[in-house]
Amino acid sequence: MAALDTAYQAAVERNDVAGMDRILAVDFTLVVGSGKAYGKAELLASARSGDFRWEIQAEEPGTQKVRVHGDTAVVTALLRLKGTNQGQPFDKRLWFSDTYVRTPSGWRYFFGQASLALPAETKPKS
């Protein structure tokens, strides 16, 4: 599961629509720290648009934890995001939890929740 979540983050970083599509469940939902919810179609459309240009979109080493219970897995990690959104630069870190479910066609990313951006001085806890 750890490798699948890392592969998803890498697909987002490359705006790899096909890679994201293979991993996301049809009824996927992402809720971000502001409370806004996004579905699969919205994330794929965003990747296609190229509005986000990623320099870094990756889990910080040593922060990923995976919990599996039956046909459900939850991956939690600290994520570093650096790039531009429609030309405006950003550089932030946030915590996320990604929920995967086992389907007849394999594991799919079903639900994600992300925190608000952390203060710049916040360090990950071991």
Protein backbone atom coordinates (compact mmCIF):
# COMPACT_ATOMS: atom_id res chain seq x y z
CA MET A 1 0.00 0.00 0.00
CA ALA A 2 2.87 2.36 0.76
CA ALA A 3 4.20 1.96 -2.78
CA LEU A 4 0.76 2.58 -4.33
CA ASP A 5 0.31 5.83 -2.40
CA THR A 6 3.82 6.97 -3.32
CA ALA A 7 3.02 6.13 -6.96
CA TYR A 8 -0.13 8.24 -6.75
CA GLN A 9 1.81 11.23 -5.36
CA ALA A 10 4.34 10.84 -8.19
CA ALA A 11 1.53 10.73 -10.79
CA VAL A 12 0.10 13.98 -9.38
CA GLU A 13 3.55 15.59 -9.48
CA ARG A 14 3.84 14.74 -13.20
CA ASN A 15 0.20 15.70 -13.96
CA ASP A 16 -0.06 12.09 -15.18
CA VAL A 17 -3.80 11.81 -15.86
CA ALA A 18 -3.63 8.13 -16.90
CA GLY A 19 -1.65 7.20 -13.79
CA MET A 20 -4.04 9.05 -11.51
CA ASP A 21 -7.07 7.56 -13.27
CA ARG A 22 -5.77 3.99 -12.74
CA ILE A 23 -5.44 4.53 -8.98
CA LEU A 24 -8.49 6.69 -8.18
CA ALA A 25 -11.81 4.99 -7.43
CA VAL A 26 -14.75 6.05 -9.62
CA ASP A 27 -16.50 7.61 -6.59
CA PHE A 28 -13.32 9.15 -5.13
CA THR A 29 -13.56 12.24 -2.88
CA LEU A 30 -10.81 14.52 -1.55
CA VAL A 31 -11.60 17.00 1.25
CA VAL A 32 -8.95 19.69 1.74
CA GLY A 33 -8.24 21.81 4.81
CA SER A 34 -10.54 24.64 3.69
CA GLY A 35 -13.45 22.19 3.63
CA LYS A 36 -13.79 22.08 -0.16
CA ALA A 37 -14.44 18.63 -1.64
CA TYR A 38 -13.19 17.42 -5.03
CA GLY A 39 -14.19 14.36 -7.03
CA LYS A 40 -12.19 12.23 -9.41
CA ALA A 41 -13.32 14.16 -12.51
CA GLU A 42 -12.19 17.46 -10.95
CA LEU A 43 -8.73 16.14 -10.06
CA LEU A 44 -8.22 14.66 -13.52
CA ALA A 45 -9.40 17.90 -15.17
CA SER A 46 -6.95 19.87 -13.01
CA ALA A 47 -4.08 17.60 -14.06
CA ARG A 48 -5.08 17.94 -17.74
CA SER A 49 -5.21 21.75 -17.49
CA GLY A 50 -1.63 22.03 -16.25
CA ASP A 51 -2.66 24.87 -13.92
CA PHE A 52 -0.50 23.26 -11.25
CA ARG A 53 3.18 22.99 -12.13
CA TRP A 54 4.88 20.85 -9.52
CA GLU A 55 8.48 21.13 -8.45
CA ILE A 56 7.81 18.90 -5.42
CA GLN A 57 4.67 16.90 -4.62
CA ALA A 58 5.96 14.14 -2.37
CA GLU A 59 5.71 12.57 1.05
CA GLU A 60 8.44 13.63 3.45
CA PRO A 61 10.75 10.66 4.10
CA GLY A 62 10.02 8.73 7.27
CA THR A 63 6.54 10.18 7.87
CA GLN A 64 4.39 7.61 6.05
CA LYS A 65 2.35 5.19 8.16
CA VAL A 66 0.13 2.48 6.67
CA ARG A 67 -2.71 0.76 8.52
CA VAL A 68 -4.57 -2.13 6.87
CA HIS A 69 -7.78 -3.65 8.17
CA GLY A 70 -9.38 -6.21 5.89
CA ASP A 71 -10.21 -4.58 2.56
CA THR A 72 -9.42 -1.06 3.76
CA ALA A 73 -6.07 0.67 4.17
CA VAL A 74 -5.26 4.14 5.46
CA VAL A 75 -2.02 5.89 4.57
CA THR A 76 -1.00 8.96 6.58
CA ALA A 77 2.04 11.13 5.85
CA LEU A 78 3.43 14.63 5.79
CA LEU A 79 3.30 16.00 2.25
CA ARG A 80 5.53 18.71 0.76
CA LEU A 81 3.95 20.76 -2.02
CA LYS A 82 6.00 23.25 -4.01
CA GLY A 83 5.25 24.73 -7.40
CA THR A 84 2.90 27.19 -9.05
CA ASN A 85 -0.87 27.35 -9.42
CA GLN A 86 -1.84 29.44 -12.45
CA GLY A 87 1.55 31.12 -12.21
CA GLN A 88 1.34 31.90 -8.48
CA PRO A 89 4.10 30.22 -6.43
CA PHE A 90 3.41 28.13 -3.34
CA ASP A 91 5.54 26.10 -0.95
CA LYS A 92 3.78 24.32 1.92
CA ARG A 93 3.58 21.19 3.98
CA LEU A 94 0.46 19.44 5.23
CA TRP A 95 -0.70 16.19 6.73
CA PHE A 96 -2.97 13.89 4.79
CA SER A 97 -4.81 10.61 5.23
CA ASP A 98 -5.59 8.56 2.13
CA THR A 99 -8.07 5.68 2.33
CA TYR A 100 -7.76 2.78 -0.11
CA VAL A 101 -10.27 -0.03 -0.64
CA ARG A 102 -9.69 -3.44 -2.20
CA THR A 103 -11.93 -3.94 -5.25
CA PRO A 104 -12.23 -6.88 -7.68
CA SER A 105 -9.76 -5.00 -9.93
CA GLY A 106 -7.26 -4.21 -7.15
CA TRP A 107 -6.69 -1.47 -4.58
CA ARG A 108 -8.22 1.95 -5.38
CA TYR A 109 -7.78 5.34 -3.70
CA PHE A 110 -11.28 6.02 -2.37
CA PHE A 111 -11.09 8.99 0.01
CA GLY A 112 -8.49 11.58 0.97
CA GLN A 113 -8.41 14.29 3.59
CA ALA A 114 -5.72 16.98 3.87
CA SER A 115 -4.97 19.42 6.67
CA LEU A 116 -4.52 23.13 6.29
CA ALA A 117 -0.96 24.15 5.45
CA LEU A 118 1.33 23.83 8.47
CA PRO A 119 3.21 26.83 9.85
CA ALA A 120 6.65 27.08 8.24
CA GLU A 121 8.48 26.25 11.49
CA THR A 122 6.59 22.98 12.11
CA LYS A 123 8.91 19.96 12.05
CA PRO A 124 7.70 16.37 11.61
CA LYS A 125 7.64 14.29 14.81
CA SER A 126 9.43 10.96 14.77
